[in-house]
Amino acid sequence: MQLSPRKGDGIPVKLKTTIAALMMTATMAVAPLTVANADSFVNKVLTGAAGIYGVKLIAGPLNSFLDNLLLTNHIANQGKTKVVPILQTGTGTYVGAAQVSGPAYAVDRVQAVGSLAFEWNHNVWRGSVLIPIDSLNPLKGFKRVYGVGVDAVINAKL
């Protein structure tokens, strides 16, 4: 594990990972409260914000882990990669992350991956449409980032 600070933020990666783990634990501890009061918009917003912050804290180490996993299995990416939060719509509340890859100019524009969950044919089929987007707040508008693929999806159910 890297103990030196990441370039630009001055916070050691080990400290970021510890904080992210504590945030995820705290978020999961309050999940029953969120489920008990599923109509509470505030709970959903706070859970989502904590999830996005947690993903951003562990994005660097998670990206390195995924890059090494692909390299070890002889299927490494040839373009730039980065891990971003998943903004999911549909049933349930999830904290998620996705690794995106592609040309550096396009990957640098990606802020999140939008996920639209769907069910079809009387719930026989279900799936997700994954779209790299240029905003963490799709309510304010976003654009799809073309030329970028989603390599990995990591979800933690709350």
C-alpha atoms as a PDB file:
ATOM      1  CA  MET A   1       0.000   0.000   0.000  1.00  0.00           C
ATOM      2  CA  GLN A   2       1.269   3.450  -0.859  1.00  0.00           C
ATOM      3  CA  LEU A   3       2.032   5.532   2.233  1.00  0.00           C
ATOM      4  CA  SER A   4       3.116   8.752   0.572  1.00  0.00           C
ATOM      5  CA  PRO A   5       0.525  11.429  -0.205  1.00  0.00           C
ATOM      6  CA  ARG A   6      -1.136  11.426  -3.588  1.00  0.00           C
ATOM      7  CA  LYS A   7      -0.084  14.250  -5.794  1.00  0.00           C
ATOM      8  CA  GLY A   8      -2.037  17.417  -5.170  1.00  0.00           C
ATOM      9  CA  ASP A   9      -4.142  16.664  -2.087  1.00  0.00           C
ATOM     10  CA  GLY A  10      -1.571  16.059   0.689  1.00  0.00           C
ATOM     11  CA  ILE A  11      -3.629  13.304   2.365  1.00  0.00           C
ATOM     12  CA  PRO A  12      -1.883   9.922   2.626  1.00  0.00           C
ATOM     13  CA  VAL A  13      -3.659   7.129   0.747  1.00  0.00           C
ATOM     14  CA  LYS A  14      -3.675   4.919   3.857  1.00  0.00           C
ATOM     15  CA  LEU A  15      -5.538   7.639   5.795  1.00  0.00           C
ATOM     16  CA  LYS A  16      -7.998   8.081   2.909  1.00  0.00           C
ATOM     17  CA  THR A  17      -8.647   4.343   2.799  1.00  0.00           C
ATOM     18  CA  THR A  18      -9.228   4.235   6.570  1.00  0.00           C
ATOM     19  CA  ILE A  19     -11.631   7.190   6.410  1.00  0.00           C
ATOM     20  CA  ALA A  20     -13.487   5.631   3.474  1.00  0.00           C
ATOM     21  CA  ALA A  21     -13.828   2.323   5.325  1.00  0.00           C
ATOM     22  CA  LEU A  22     -15.192   4.121   8.388  1.00  0.00           C
ATOM     23  CA  MET A  23     -17.648   6.076   6.235  1.00  0.00           C
ATOM     24  CA  MET A  24     -18.853   2.922   4.496  1.00  0.00           C
ATOM     25  CA  THR A  25     -19.272   1.198   7.891  1.00  0.00           C
ATOM     26  CA  ALA A  26     -21.206   4.168   9.279  1.00  0.00           C
ATOM     27  CA  THR A  27     -23.356   4.317   6.150  1.00  0.00           C
ATOM     28  CA  MET A  28     -24.151   0.606   6.396  1.00  0.00           C
ATOM     29  CA  ALA A  29     -24.924   0.986  10.122  1.00  0.00           C
ATOM     30  CA  VAL A  30     -27.638   3.557   9.366  1.00  0.00           C
ATOM     31  CA  ALA A  31     -29.011   1.583   6.426  1.00  0.00           C
ATOM     32  CA  PRO A  32     -31.796   0.005   8.548  1.00  0.00           C
ATOM     33  CA  LEU A  33     -32.929   3.519   9.474  1.00  0.00           C
ATOM     34  CA  THR A  34     -32.978   4.441   5.803  1.00  0.00           C
ATOM     35  CA  VAL A  35     -35.004   1.344   4.925  1.00  0.00           C
ATOM     36  CA  ALA A  36     -37.427   1.989   7.807  1.00  0.00           C
ATOM     37  CA  ASN A  37     -38.048   5.484   6.483  1.00  0.00           C
ATOM     38  CA  ALA A  38     -37.723   4.800   2.754  1.00  0.00           C
ATOM     39  CA  ASP A  39     -39.727   7.884   1.815  1.00  0.00           C
ATOM     40  CA  SER A  40     -37.257  10.231   3.441  1.00  0.00           C
ATOM     41  CA  PHE A  41     -35.652  12.249   0.678  1.00  0.00           C
ATOM     42  CA  VAL A  42     -33.056  13.611   3.127  1.00  0.00           C
ATOM     43  CA  ASN A  43     -31.854  10.104   4.046  1.00  0.00           C
ATOM     44  CA  LYS A  44     -31.439   9.208   0.381  1.00  0.00           C
ATOM     45  CA  VAL A  45     -29.531  12.394  -0.372  1.00  0.00           C
ATOM     46  CA  LEU A  46     -27.229  11.988   2.649  1.00  0.00           C
ATOM     47  CA  THR A  47     -26.592   8.321   1.890  1.00  0.00           C
ATOM     48  CA  GLY A  48     -25.838   9.147  -1.738  1.00  0.00           C
ATOM     49  CA  ALA A  49     -23.505  12.013  -0.817  1.00  0.00           C
ATOM     50  CA  ALA A  50     -21.631   9.843   1.689  1.00  0.00           C
ATOM     51  CA  GLY A  51     -21.332   7.103  -0.927  1.00  0.00           C
ATOM     52  CA  ILE A  52     -19.950   9.469  -3.564  1.00  0.00           C
ATOM     53  CA  TYR A  53     -17.453  10.900  -1.068  1.00  0.00           C
ATOM     54  CA  GLY A  54     -16.398   7.396   0.011  1.00  0.00           C
ATOM     55  CA  VAL A  55     -15.854   6.299  -3.599  1.00  0.00           C
ATOM     56  CA  LYS A  56     -13.808   9.417  -4.313  1.00  0.00           C
ATOM     57  CA  LEU A  57     -11.615   8.694  -1.265  1.00  0.00           C
ATOM     58  CA  ILE A  58     -10.790   5.141  -2.347  1.00  0.00           C
ATOM     59  CA  ALA A  59     -10.791   5.737  -6.119  1.00  0.00           C
ATOM     60  CA  GLY A  60      -6.983   5.777  -6.472  1.00  0.00           C
ATOM     61  CA  PRO A  61      -6.247   2.513  -4.617  1.00  0.00           C
ATOM     62  CA  LEU A  62      -9.277   0.815  -6.174  1.00  0.00           C
ATOM     63  CA  ASN A  63      -8.157   1.860  -9.660  1.00  0.00           C
ATOM     64  CA  SER A  64      -4.643   0.492  -8.993  1.00  0.00           C
ATOM     65  CA  PHE A  65      -6.132  -2.776  -7.708  1.00  0.00           C
ATOM     66  CA  LEU A  66      -8.285  -3.186 -10.838  1.00  0.00           C
ATOM     67  CA  ASP A  67      -5.398  -2.269 -13.174  1.00  0.00           C
ATOM     68  CA  ASN A  68      -3.172  -4.860 -11.455  1.00  0.00           C
ATOM     69  CA  LEU A  69      -5.946  -7.472 -11.578  1.00  0.00           C
ATOM     70  CA  LEU A  70      -6.357  -7.010 -15.325  1.00  0.00           C
ATOM     71  CA  LEU A  71      -2.581  -6.934 -15.891  1.00  0.00           C
ATOM     72  CA  THR A  72      -2.061 -10.129 -13.874  1.00  0.00           C
ATOM     73  CA  ASN A  73      -4.668 -11.867 -16.027  1.00  0.00           C
ATOM     74  CA  HIS A  74      -3.044 -10.601 -19.259  1.00  0.00           C
ATOM     75  CA  ILE A  75      -5.976  -8.355 -20.192  1.00  0.00           C
ATOM     76  CA  ALA A  76      -4.562  -4.950 -19.238  1.00  0.00           C
ATOM     77  CA  ASN A  77      -6.040  -1.715 -20.516  1.00  0.00           C
ATOM     78  CA  GLN A  78      -4.110   0.210 -23.134  1.00  0.00           C
ATOM     79  CA  GLY A  79      -5.735   3.575 -22.431  1.00  0.00           C
ATOM     80  CA  LYS A  80      -6.095   5.681 -19.310  1.00  0.00           C
ATOM     81  CA  THR A  81      -8.268   4.371 -16.456  1.00  0.00           C
ATOM     82  CA  LYS A  82      -9.957   5.886 -13.425  1.00  0.00           C
ATOM     83  CA  VAL A  83     -12.588   4.945 -10.858  1.00  0.00           C
ATOM     84  CA  VAL A  84     -15.683   7.130 -10.502  1.00  0.00           C
ATOM     85  CA  PRO A  85     -18.949   6.880  -8.525  1.00  0.00           C
ATOM     86  CA  ILE A  86     -22.005   5.221 -10.041  1.00  0.00           C
ATOM     87  CA  LEU A  87     -25.202   7.262  -9.907  1.00  0.00           C
ATOM     88  CA  GLN A  88     -27.942   4.648 -10.005  1.00  0.00           C
ATOM     89  CA  THR A  89     -31.654   4.963 -10.605  1.00  0.00           C
ATOM     90  CA  GLY A  90     -34.185   2.220 -10.216  1.00  0.00           C
ATOM     91  CA  THR A  91     -34.995   0.070  -7.211  1.00  0.00           C
ATOM     92  CA  GLY A  92     -32.868   0.186  -4.064  1.00  0.00           C
ATOM     93  CA  THR A  93     -30.104   2.437  -2.853  1.00  0.00           C
ATOM     94  CA  TYR A  94     -26.570   1.405  -3.679  1.00  0.00           C
ATOM     95  CA  VAL A  95     -23.124   2.856  -3.254  1.00  0.00           C
ATOM     96  CA  GLY A  96     -21.184   1.975  -6.332  1.00  0.00           C
ATOM     97  CA  ALA A  97     -18.009   2.584  -8.250  1.00  0.00           C
ATOM     98  CA  ALA A  98     -17.011   1.921 -11.825  1.00  0.00           C
ATOM     99  CA  GLN A  99     -13.674   1.827 -13.575  1.00  0.00           C
ATOM    100  CA  VAL A 100     -13.758   3.591 -16.929  1.00  0.00           C
ATOM    101  CA  SER A 101     -11.093   3.447 -19.621  1.00  0.00           C
ATOM    102  CA  GLY A 102     -10.285   5.086 -22.902  1.00  0.00           C
ATOM    103  CA  PRO A 103      -8.269   7.943 -24.362  1.00  0.00           C
ATOM    104  CA  ALA A 104      -6.940  10.335 -21.692  1.00  0.00           C
ATOM    105  CA  TYR A 105      -8.815  13.350 -23.089  1.00  0.00           C
ATOM    106  CA  ALA A 106     -12.142  11.510 -22.730  1.00  0.00           C
ATOM    107  CA  VAL A 107     -11.468   9.734 -19.408  1.00  0.00           C
ATOM    108  CA  ASP A 108     -10.484  13.066 -17.831  1.00  0.00           C
ATOM    109  CA  ARG A 109     -13.998  14.402 -18.615  1.00  0.00           C
ATOM    110  CA  VAL A 110     -15.824  11.514 -16.890  1.00  0.00           C
ATOM    111  CA  GLN A 111     -17.126  12.441 -13.423  1.00  0.00           C
ATOM    112  CA  ALA A 112     -19.489   9.512 -12.853  1.00  0.00           C
ATOM    113  CA  VAL A 113     -21.219   6.574 -14.497  1.00  0.00           C
ATOM    114  CA  GLY A 114     -24.983   6.829 -14.798  1.00  0.00           C
ATOM    115  CA  SER A 115     -26.786   3.547 -14.296  1.00  0.00           C
ATOM    116  CA  LEU A 116     -30.379   3.095 -15.370  1.00  0.00           C
ATOM    117  CA  ALA A 117     -31.792  -0.137 -13.946  1.00  0.00           C
ATOM    118  CA  PHE A 118     -34.614  -1.844 -15.826  1.00  0.00           C
ATOM    119  CA  GLU A 119     -36.864  -4.891 -15.692  1.00  0.00           C
ATOM    120  CA  TRP A 120     -38.559  -6.352 -18.739  1.00  0.00           C
ATOM    121  CA  ASN A 121     -41.071  -9.048 -19.674  1.00  0.00           C
ATOM    122  CA  HIS A 122     -42.800  -9.327 -16.276  1.00  0.00           C
ATOM    123  CA  ASN A 123     -39.466  -9.170 -14.387  1.00  0.00           C
ATOM    124  CA  VAL A 124     -38.017 -12.165 -16.238  1.00  0.00           C
ATOM    125  CA  TRP A 125     -35.147 -10.007 -17.462  1.00  0.00           C
ATOM    126  CA  ARG A 126     -33.387  -7.244 -15.582  1.00  0.00           C
ATOM    127  CA  GLY A 127     -30.287  -5.228 -16.237  1.00  0.00           C
ATOM    128  CA  SER A 128     -28.542  -1.883 -16.201  1.00  0.00           C
ATOM    129  CA  VAL A 129     -27.559   0.588 -18.866  1.00  0.00           C
ATOM    130  CA  LEU A 130     -24.164   2.128 -17.950  1.00  0.00           C
ATOM    131  CA  ILE A 131     -23.293   5.546 -19.361  1.00  0.00           C
ATOM    132  CA  PRO A 132     -20.102   7.528 -18.619  1.00  0.00           C
ATOM    133  CA  ILE A 133     -21.224  11.105 -17.862  1.00  0.00           C
ATOM    134  CA  ASP A 134     -19.540  14.446 -17.231  1.00  0.00           C
ATOM    135  CA  SER A 135     -21.362  15.464 -14.022  1.00  0.00           C
ATOM    136  CA  LEU A 136     -21.824  14.275 -10.444  1.00  0.00           C
ATOM    137  CA  ASN A 137     -25.222  15.982 -10.362  1.00  0.00           C
ATOM    138  CA  PRO A 138     -27.347  14.751 -13.262  1.00  0.00           C
ATOM    139  CA  LEU A 139     -30.280  16.852 -12.008  1.00  0.00           C
ATOM    140  CA  LYS A 140     -28.368  19.923 -13.207  1.00  0.00           C
ATOM    141  CA  GLY A 141     -27.774  18.306 -16.583  1.00  0.00           C
ATOM    142  CA  PHE A 142     -25.067  16.098 -17.994  1.00  0.00           C
ATOM    143  CA  LYS A 143     -23.561  14.930 -21.250  1.00  0.00           C
ATOM    144  CA  ARG A 144     -22.524  11.446 -22.215  1.00  0.00           C
ATOM    145  CA  VAL A 145     -18.757  11.071 -22.639  1.00  0.00           C
ATOM    146  CA  TYR A 146     -18.190   9.177 -25.884  1.00  0.00           C
ATOM    147  CA  GLY A 147     -15.171   6.944 -26.469  1.00  0.00           C
ATOM    148  CA  VAL A 148     -15.048   5.709 -22.862  1.00  0.00           C
ATOM    149  CA  GLY A 149     -15.878   2.187 -21.772  1.00  0.00           C
ATOM    150  CA  VAL A 150     -16.877   0.760 -18.392  1.00  0.00           C
ATOM    151  CA  ASP A 151     -14.442  -1.995 -17.380  1.00  0.00           C
ATOM    152  CA  ALA A 152     -15.604  -2.889 -13.869  1.00  0.00           C
ATOM    153  CA  VAL A 153     -18.559  -2.278 -11.584  1.00  0.00           C
ATOM    154  CA  ILE A 154     -18.301  -2.491  -7.787  1.00  0.00           C
ATOM    155  CA  ASN A 155     -21.478  -2.176  -5.671  1.00  0.00           C
ATOM    156  CA  ALA A 156     -22.126  -2.299  -1.938  1.00  0.00           C
ATOM    157  CA  LYS A 157     -25.793  -2.734  -1.063  1.00  0.00           C
ATOM    158  CA  LEU A 158     -27.045  -0.493   1.728  1.00  0.00           C
END
